C-alpha atoms as a PDB file:
ATOM      1  CA  MET A   1      15.943 -17.139  -9.855  1.00  0.00           C
ATOM      2  CA  ASN A   2      12.443 -18.590 -10.131  1.00  0.00           C
ATOM      3  CA  PHE A   3      12.185 -18.922  -6.338  1.00  0.00           C
ATOM      4  CA  PHE A   4      13.553 -15.398  -5.836  1.00  0.00           C
ATOM      5  CA  LEU A   5      11.056 -13.786  -8.221  1.00  0.00           C
ATOM      6  CA  LYS A   6       8.141 -15.693  -6.692  1.00  0.00           C
ATOM      7  CA  SER A   7       9.213 -14.751  -3.178  1.00  0.00           C
ATOM      8  CA  ILE A   8       9.179 -11.056  -4.122  1.00  0.00           C
ATOM      9  CA  SER A   9       5.384 -11.234  -4.421  1.00  0.00           C
ATOM     10  CA  TYR A  10       5.221 -12.244  -0.753  1.00  0.00           C
ATOM     11  CA  ILE A  11       8.007 -10.047   0.619  1.00  0.00           C
ATOM     12  CA  ILE A  12       6.715  -6.887  -1.088  1.00  0.00           C
ATOM     13  CA  HIS A  13       3.043  -7.699  -0.602  1.00  0.00           C
ATOM     14  CA  PRO A  14       0.486  -4.853  -0.905  1.00  0.00           C
ATOM     15  CA  LEU A  15      -0.815  -5.750   2.553  1.00  0.00           C
ATOM     16  CA  LEU A  16       2.468  -4.533   4.059  1.00  0.00           C
ATOM     17  CA  MET A  17       2.689  -1.279   2.109  1.00  0.00           C
ATOM     18  CA  PRO A  18       0.600   0.988   4.415  1.00  0.00           C
ATOM     19  CA  LEU A  19       2.754  -0.130   7.350  1.00  0.00           C
ATOM     20  CA  LEU A  20       5.937   0.493   5.344  1.00  0.00           C
ATOM     21  CA  GLY A  21       4.736   3.998   4.502  1.00  0.00           C
ATOM     22  CA  ALA A  22       4.168   4.722   8.189  1.00  0.00           C
ATOM     23  CA  LEU A  23       7.616   3.366   9.123  1.00  0.00           C
ATOM     24  CA  ILE A  24       9.244   5.581   6.491  1.00  0.00           C
ATOM     25  CA  TYR A  25       7.412   8.596   7.922  1.00  0.00           C
ATOM     26  CA  PHE A  26       8.247   7.896  11.578  1.00  0.00           C
ATOM     27  CA  PHE A  27      11.886   7.087  10.768  1.00  0.00           C
ATOM     28  CA  PHE A  28      12.705   9.979   8.421  1.00  0.00           C
ATOM     29  CA  ALA A  29      10.320  12.850   9.243  1.00  0.00           C
ATOM     30  CA  PRO A  30      12.286  15.457  11.253  1.00  0.00           C
ATOM     31  CA  ARG A  31       9.634  15.830  13.919  1.00  0.00           C
ATOM     32  CA  PHE A  32       9.858  15.022  17.604  1.00  0.00           C
ATOM     33  CA  ILE A  33       7.450  12.210  18.338  1.00  0.00           C
ATOM     34  CA  PRO A  34       7.954  10.351  21.645  1.00  0.00           C
ATOM     35  CA  ASN A  35       9.047   6.746  21.161  1.00  0.00           C
ATOM     36  CA  GLU A  36       6.083   5.534  23.196  1.00  0.00           C
ATOM     37  CA  ILE A  37       3.650   7.171  20.776  1.00  0.00           C
ATOM     38  CA  VAL A  38       5.505   5.836  17.721  1.00  0.00           C
ATOM     39  CA  LEU A  39       5.462   2.301  19.124  1.00  0.00           C
ATOM     40  CA  THR A  40       1.768   2.604  19.966  1.00  0.00           C
ATOM     41  CA  LYS A  41       0.899   3.862  16.478  1.00  0.00           C
ATOM     42  CA  VAL A  42       3.003   1.187  14.761  1.00  0.00           C
ATOM     43  CA  ALA A  43       1.522  -1.575  16.939  1.00  0.00           C
ATOM     44  CA  ALA A  44      -2.002  -0.379  16.122  1.00  0.00           C
ATOM     45  CA  LEU A  45      -1.165  -0.282  12.401  1.00  0.00           C
ATOM     46  CA  ILE A  46       0.273  -3.805  12.512  1.00  0.00           C
ATOM     47  CA  ILE A  47      -2.931  -5.070  14.117  1.00  0.00           C
ATOM     48  CA  ILE A  48      -5.361  -3.190  11.862  1.00  0.00           C
ATOM     49  CA  THR A  49      -3.588  -3.304   8.489  1.00  0.00           C
ATOM     50  CA  VAL A  50      -1.741  -6.639   8.719  1.00  0.00           C
ATOM     51  CA  ILE A  51      -2.998  -9.052  11.391  1.00  0.00           C
ATOM     52  CA  ILE A  52      -6.743  -8.461  10.996  1.00  0.00           C
ATOM     53  CA  PRO A  53      -6.591  -8.660   7.155  1.00  0.00           C
ATOM     54  CA  ILE A  54      -4.677 -11.970   7.415  1.00  0.00           C
ATOM     55  CA  ILE A  55      -7.330 -13.344   9.776  1.00  0.00           C
ATOM     56  CA  LEU A  56     -10.065 -12.136   7.421  1.00  0.00           C
ATOM     57  CA  TYR A  57      -8.230 -13.746   4.486  1.00  0.00           C
ATOM     58  CA  PHE A  58      -8.250 -17.171   6.134  1.00  0.00           C
ATOM     59  CA  LEU A  59     -11.919 -16.691   6.993  1.00  0.00           C
ATOM     60  CA  LEU A  60     -12.750 -15.793   3.385  1.00  0.00           C
ATOM     61  CA  LYS A  61     -10.638 -18.697   2.118  1.00  0.00           C
ATOM     62  CA  ASN A  62     -12.477 -21.161   4.365  1.00  0.00           C
ATOM     63  CA  LEU A  63     -15.740 -19.767   3.023  1.00  0.00           C
ATOM     64  CA  GLY A  64     -14.469 -20.285  -0.518  1.00  0.00           C
ATOM     65  CA  LEU A  65     -14.631 -16.584  -1.363  1.00  0.00           C
ATOM     66  CA  VAL A  66     -10.911 -16.255  -2.172  1.00  0.00           C
ATOM     67  CA  SER A  67      -8.386 -18.793  -3.415  1.00  0.00           C
ATOM     68  CA  SER A  68      -5.063 -16.952  -3.024  1.00  0.00           C
ATOM     69  CA  ILE A  69      -3.562 -14.280  -0.804  1.00  0.00           C
ATOM     70  CA  HIS A  70      -2.663 -12.392  -3.990  1.00  0.00           C
ATOM     71  CA  ILE A  71      -6.371 -12.291  -5.008  1.00  0.00           C
ATOM     72  CA  GLU A  72      -5.457 -12.879  -8.632  1.00  0.00           C
ATOM     73  CA  ASN A  73      -9.048 -13.712  -9.609  1.00  0.00           C
ATOM     74  CA  VAL A  74     -10.699 -10.366 -10.369  1.00  0.00           C
ATOM     75  CA  LYS A  75     -14.133 -11.631  -9.288  1.00  0.00           C
ATOM     76  CA  GLN A  76     -12.790 -12.453  -5.820  1.00  0.00           C
ATOM     77  CA  ARG A  77     -11.385  -8.984  -5.204  1.00  0.00           C
ATOM     78  CA  LYS A  78     -14.467  -7.012  -4.237  1.00  0.00           C
ATOM     79  CA  ILE A  79     -15.009  -8.309  -0.671  1.00  0.00           C
ATOM     80  CA  PRO A  80     -11.330  -8.289   0.432  1.00  0.00           C
ATOM     81  CA  LEU A  81     -10.827  -4.785  -0.984  1.00  0.00           C
ATOM     82  CA  LEU A  82     -13.996  -3.516   0.694  1.00  0.00           C
ATOM     83  CA  LEU A  83     -12.881  -4.981   4.025  1.00  0.00           C
ATOM     84  CA  GLN A  84      -9.405  -3.475   3.655  1.00  0.00           C
ATOM     85  CA  SER A  85     -10.961  -0.110   2.787  1.00  0.00           C
ATOM     86  CA  GLY A  86     -13.049  -0.291   5.956  1.00  0.00           C
ATOM     87  CA  LEU A  87      -9.944  -0.986   8.028  1.00  0.00           C
ATOM     88  CA  LEU A  88      -8.141   1.972   6.434  1.00  0.00           C
ATOM     89  CA  ILE A  89     -11.070   4.208   7.369  1.00  0.00           C
ATOM     90  CA  VAL A  90     -10.605   3.050  10.979  1.00  0.00           C
ATOM     91  CA  VAL A  91      -6.910   4.009  10.745  1.00  0.00           C
ATOM     92  CA  ILE A  92      -7.743   7.442   9.321  1.00  0.00           C
ATOM     93  CA  LYS A  93     -10.448   8.104  11.897  1.00  0.00           C
ATOM     94  CA  MET A  94      -8.793   6.691  15.027  1.00  0.00           C
ATOM     95  CA  ILE A  95      -5.030   6.201  14.597  1.00  0.00           C
ATOM     96  CA  ILE A  96      -3.544   8.841  12.274  1.00  0.00           C
ATOM     97  CA  ASP A  97      -5.186  12.254  12.654  1.00  0.00           C
ATOM     98  CA  VAL A  98      -4.727  15.076  10.171  1.00  0.00           C
ATOM     99  CA  TYR A  99      -3.692  17.636  12.819  1.00  0.00           C
ATOM    100  CA  HIS A 100      -0.661  15.828  14.235  1.00  0.00           C
ATOM    101  CA  TYR A 101       0.407  13.763  11.203  1.00  0.00           C
ATOM    102  CA  PRO A 102      -0.873  15.557   8.070  1.00  0.00           C
ATOM    103  CA  ALA A 103       1.579  13.927   5.648  1.00  0.00           C
ATOM    104  CA  LEU A 104       0.866  10.425   6.962  1.00  0.00           C
ATOM    105  CA  TYR A 105      -2.868  11.118   7.122  1.00  0.00           C
ATOM    106  CA  PHE A 106      -3.019  12.058   3.449  1.00  0.00           C
ATOM    107  CA  PHE A 107      -0.793   9.093   2.580  1.00  0.00           C
ATOM    108  CA  PHE A 108      -3.367   6.740   4.102  1.00  0.00           C
ATOM    109  CA  LEU A 109      -6.169   8.685   2.473  1.00  0.00           C
ATOM    110  CA  GLY A 110      -4.367   8.201  -0.844  1.00  0.00           C
ATOM    111  CA  VAL A 111      -4.085   4.459  -0.172  1.00  0.00           C
ATOM    112  CA  LEU A 112      -7.827   4.397   0.506  1.00  0.00           C
ATOM    113  CA  PHE A 113      -8.568   6.141  -2.783  1.00  0.00           C
ATOM    114  CA  SER A 114      -6.287   3.656  -4.557  1.00  0.00           C
ATOM    115  CA  LEU A 115      -8.270   0.770  -3.092  1.00  0.00           C
ATOM    116  CA  LEU A 116     -11.566   2.394  -4.037  1.00  0.00           C
ATOM    117  CA  SER A 117     -10.223   2.816  -7.581  1.00  0.00           C
ATOM    118  CA  ALA A 118      -9.338  -0.881  -7.668  1.00  0.00           C
ATOM    119  CA  ILE A 119     -12.853  -1.731  -6.461  1.00  0.00           C
ATOM    120  CA  PHE A 120     -14.344   0.485  -9.180  1.00  0.00           C
ATOM    121  CA  MET A 121     -12.282  -1.394 -11.776  1.00  0.00           C
ATOM    122  CA  VAL A 122     -13.504  -4.732 -10.424  1.00  0.00           C
ATOM    123  CA  LEU A 123     -17.075  -3.656 -11.240  1.00  0.00           C
ATOM    124  CA  PHE A 124     -16.012  -3.582 -14.896  1.00  0.00           C
ATOM    125  CA  ASN A 125     -14.025  -6.823 -14.590  1.00  0.00           C
ATOM    126  CA  ILE A 126     -10.735  -4.922 -14.868  1.00  0.00           C
ATOM    127  CA  LYS A 127      -7.786  -6.144 -12.815  1.00  0.00           C
ATOM    128  CA  ALA A 128      -5.024  -3.772 -11.751  1.00  0.00           C
ATOM    129  CA  SER A 129      -1.856  -4.981 -10.052  1.00  0.00           C
ATOM    130  CA  LEU A 130      -2.287  -4.272  -6.345  1.00  0.00           C
ATOM    131  CA  HIS A 131       1.409  -5.047  -5.807  1.00  0.00           C
ATOM    132  CA  MET A 132       2.326  -2.204  -8.156  1.00  0.00           C
ATOM    133  CA  THR A 133      -0.329   0.040  -6.612  1.00  0.00           C
ATOM    134  CA  GLY A 134       1.247  -0.383  -3.192  1.00  0.00           C
ATOM    135  CA  ILE A 135       4.926   0.005  -4.019  1.00  0.00           C
ATOM    136  CA  SER A 136       4.438   2.857  -6.513  1.00  0.00           C
ATOM    137  CA  GLY A 137       2.276   4.771  -4.018  1.00  0.00           C
ATOM    138  CA  ILE A 138       4.940   4.479  -1.327  1.00  0.00           C
ATOM    139  CA  THR A 139       7.625   5.618  -3.774  1.00  0.00           C
ATOM    140  CA  VAL A 140       5.694   8.811  -4.529  1.00  0.00           C
ATOM    141  CA  PHE A 141       5.070   9.339  -0.808  1.00  0.00           C
ATOM    142  CA  ALA A 142       8.797   9.068  -0.072  1.00  0.00           C
ATOM    143  CA  ILE A 143       9.568  11.577  -2.831  1.00  0.00           C
ATOM    144  CA  THR A 144       6.974  14.086  -1.573  1.00  0.00           C
ATOM    145  CA  LEU A 145       8.188  13.569   2.000  1.00  0.00           C
ATOM    146  CA  SER A 146      11.699  14.382   0.832  1.00  0.00           C
ATOM    147  CA  ILE A 147      10.496  17.562  -0.900  1.00  0.00           C
ATOM    148  CA  HIS A 148       8.326  18.704   2.021  1.00  0.00           C
ATOM    149  CA  PHE A 149      10.951  18.327   4.735  1.00  0.00           C
ATOM    150  CA  GLY A 150      13.977  19.062   2.517  1.00  0.00           C
ATOM    151  CA  LEU A 151      15.409  15.610   3.237  1.00  0.00           C
ATOM    152  CA  ASN A 152      18.059  13.757   1.302  1.00  0.00           C
ATOM    153  CA  LEU A 153      16.247  10.455   0.767  1.00  0.00           C
ATOM    154  CA  THR A 154      18.166   9.510  -2.369  1.00  0.00           C
ATOM    155  CA  LEU A 155      19.113   6.041  -1.106  1.00  0.00           C
ATOM    156  CA  PRO A 156      15.647   5.035   0.209  1.00  0.00           C
ATOM    157  CA  ILE A 157      13.993   6.361  -2.957  1.00  0.00           C
ATOM    158  CA  ALA A 158      16.509   4.494  -5.136  1.00  0.00           C
ATOM    159  CA  ILE A 159      15.760   1.304  -3.189  1.00  0.00           C
ATOM    160  CA  LEU A 160      12.033   1.869  -3.701  1.00  0.00           C
ATOM    161  CA  PHE A 161      12.549   2.261  -7.460  1.00  0.00           C
ATOM    162  CA  VAL A 162      14.463  -1.026  -7.482  1.00  0.00           C
ATOM    163  CA  MET A 163      11.596  -2.603  -5.558  1.00  0.00           C
ATOM    164  CA  ASN A 164       9.182  -1.301  -8.202  1.00  0.00           C
ATOM    165  CA  GLY A 165      11.228  -3.058 -10.857  1.00  0.00           C
ATOM    166  CA  LEU A 166      11.456  -6.265  -8.852  1.00  0.00           C
ATOM    167  CA  VAL A 167       7.708  -6.331  -8.224  1.00  0.00           C
ATOM    168  CA  ALA A 168       6.890  -5.716 -11.894  1.00  0.00           C
ATOM    169  CA  THR A 169       9.338  -8.431 -12.979  1.00  0.00           C
ATOM    170  CA  SER A 170       7.971 -10.842 -10.376  1.00  0.00           C
ATOM    171  CA  ARG A 171       4.343 -10.336 -11.374  1.00  0.00           C
ATOM    172  CA  LEU A 172       5.147 -10.760 -15.065  1.00  0.00           C
ATOM    173  CA  HIS A 173       7.324 -13.810 -14.365  1.00  0.00           C
ATOM    174  CA  CYS A 174       4.535 -15.436 -12.343  1.00  0.00           C
ATOM    175  CA  LYS A 175       2.102 -14.560 -15.159  1.00  0.00           C
ATOM    176  CA  ALA A 176      -0.142 -12.964 -12.532  1.00  0.00           C
ATOM    177  CA  HIS A 177      -0.562  -9.773 -14.569  1.00  0.00           C
ATOM    178  CA  THR A 178      -0.169  -8.344 -18.029  1.00  0.00           C
ATOM    179  CA  PHE A 179       1.913  -5.233 -18.715  1.00  0.00           C
ATOM    180  CA  LYS A 180      -1.333  -3.236 -19.002  1.00  0.00           C
ATOM    181  CA  GLU A 181      -2.446  -4.379 -15.534  1.00  0.00           C
ATOM    182  CA  LEU A 182       0.915  -3.344 -14.080  1.00  0.00           C
ATOM    183  CA  VAL A 183       0.537   0.121 -15.622  1.00  0.00           C
ATOM    184  CA  LEU A 184      -3.010   0.395 -14.253  1.00  0.00           C
ATOM    185  CA  GLY A 185      -1.729  -0.570 -10.814  1.00  0.00           C
ATOM    186  CA  CYS A 186       0.987   2.087 -10.961  1.00  0.00           C
ATOM    187  CA  THR A 187      -1.512   4.689 -12.111  1.00  0.00           C
ATOM    188  CA  ILE A 188      -4.012   4.180  -9.288  1.00  0.00           C
ATOM    189  CA  GLY A 189      -1.134   4.031  -6.800  1.00  0.00           C
ATOM    190  CA  ILE A 190       0.607   7.195  -7.973  1.00  0.00           C
ATOM    191  CA  LEU A 191      -2.228   9.589  -8.861  1.00  0.00           C
ATOM    192  CA  PRO A 192      -3.962   9.758  -5.436  1.00  0.00           C
ATOM    193  CA  GLN A 193      -0.622  10.407  -3.725  1.00  0.00           C
ATOM    194  CA  ILE A 194       0.277  13.203  -6.158  1.00  0.00           C
ATOM    195  CA  ILE A 195      -3.175  14.814  -5.985  1.00  0.00           C
ATOM    196  CA  LEU A 196      -3.393  14.691  -2.170  1.00  0.00           C
ATOM    197  CA  ALA A 197       0.218  15.863  -1.755  1.00  0.00           C
ATOM    198  CA  ASN A 198      -1.007  19.312  -2.778  1.00  0.00           C
ATOM    199  CA  LEU A 199      -2.927  19.438   0.517  1.00  0.00           C
ATOM    200  CA  TRP A 200       0.126  19.008   2.767  1.00  0.00           C
ATOM    201  CA  LEU A 201       3.224  19.937   0.745  1.00  0.00           C
END
């Protein structure tokens, strides 16, 4: 059980959440998008939101600026979060445009606002759970996607709720966060998605 709960922090890592949101959109949204375009978009997202951040992490670790991929030390969060925010801006500007993919565009914009909120908290030495920020934001996105397109996403949404519970349990078990930090993470993950949903629902 100990191994399982610790592994959850890696399997449901916040770094993978933007990509997961995009996969949910491309798989469930009832819109015709040629497979070639989907594959191109997904490949670009993998490079920009996963591969480049991992490379930057190892660079920062070698420089002694971070000590863990979970960035548990609040003082070490500013630079990685700023870099990730910059990469998300690239995605919003060059990969996912608001005209062809409005729902996905505002999802990524919401993720950006969540990161900026986390950076703002770091300035006051406040640590929010980025794991909870990521998974709770995707859960809200799936719900709004279901409402917008009139889709029956009961099973995926139920799975996402279970994932929320697993992540919260994992972070508490690993003593990486307090209950308050989990709630803060959920809050900054959920609110931007709800607020921006009004622009595309």
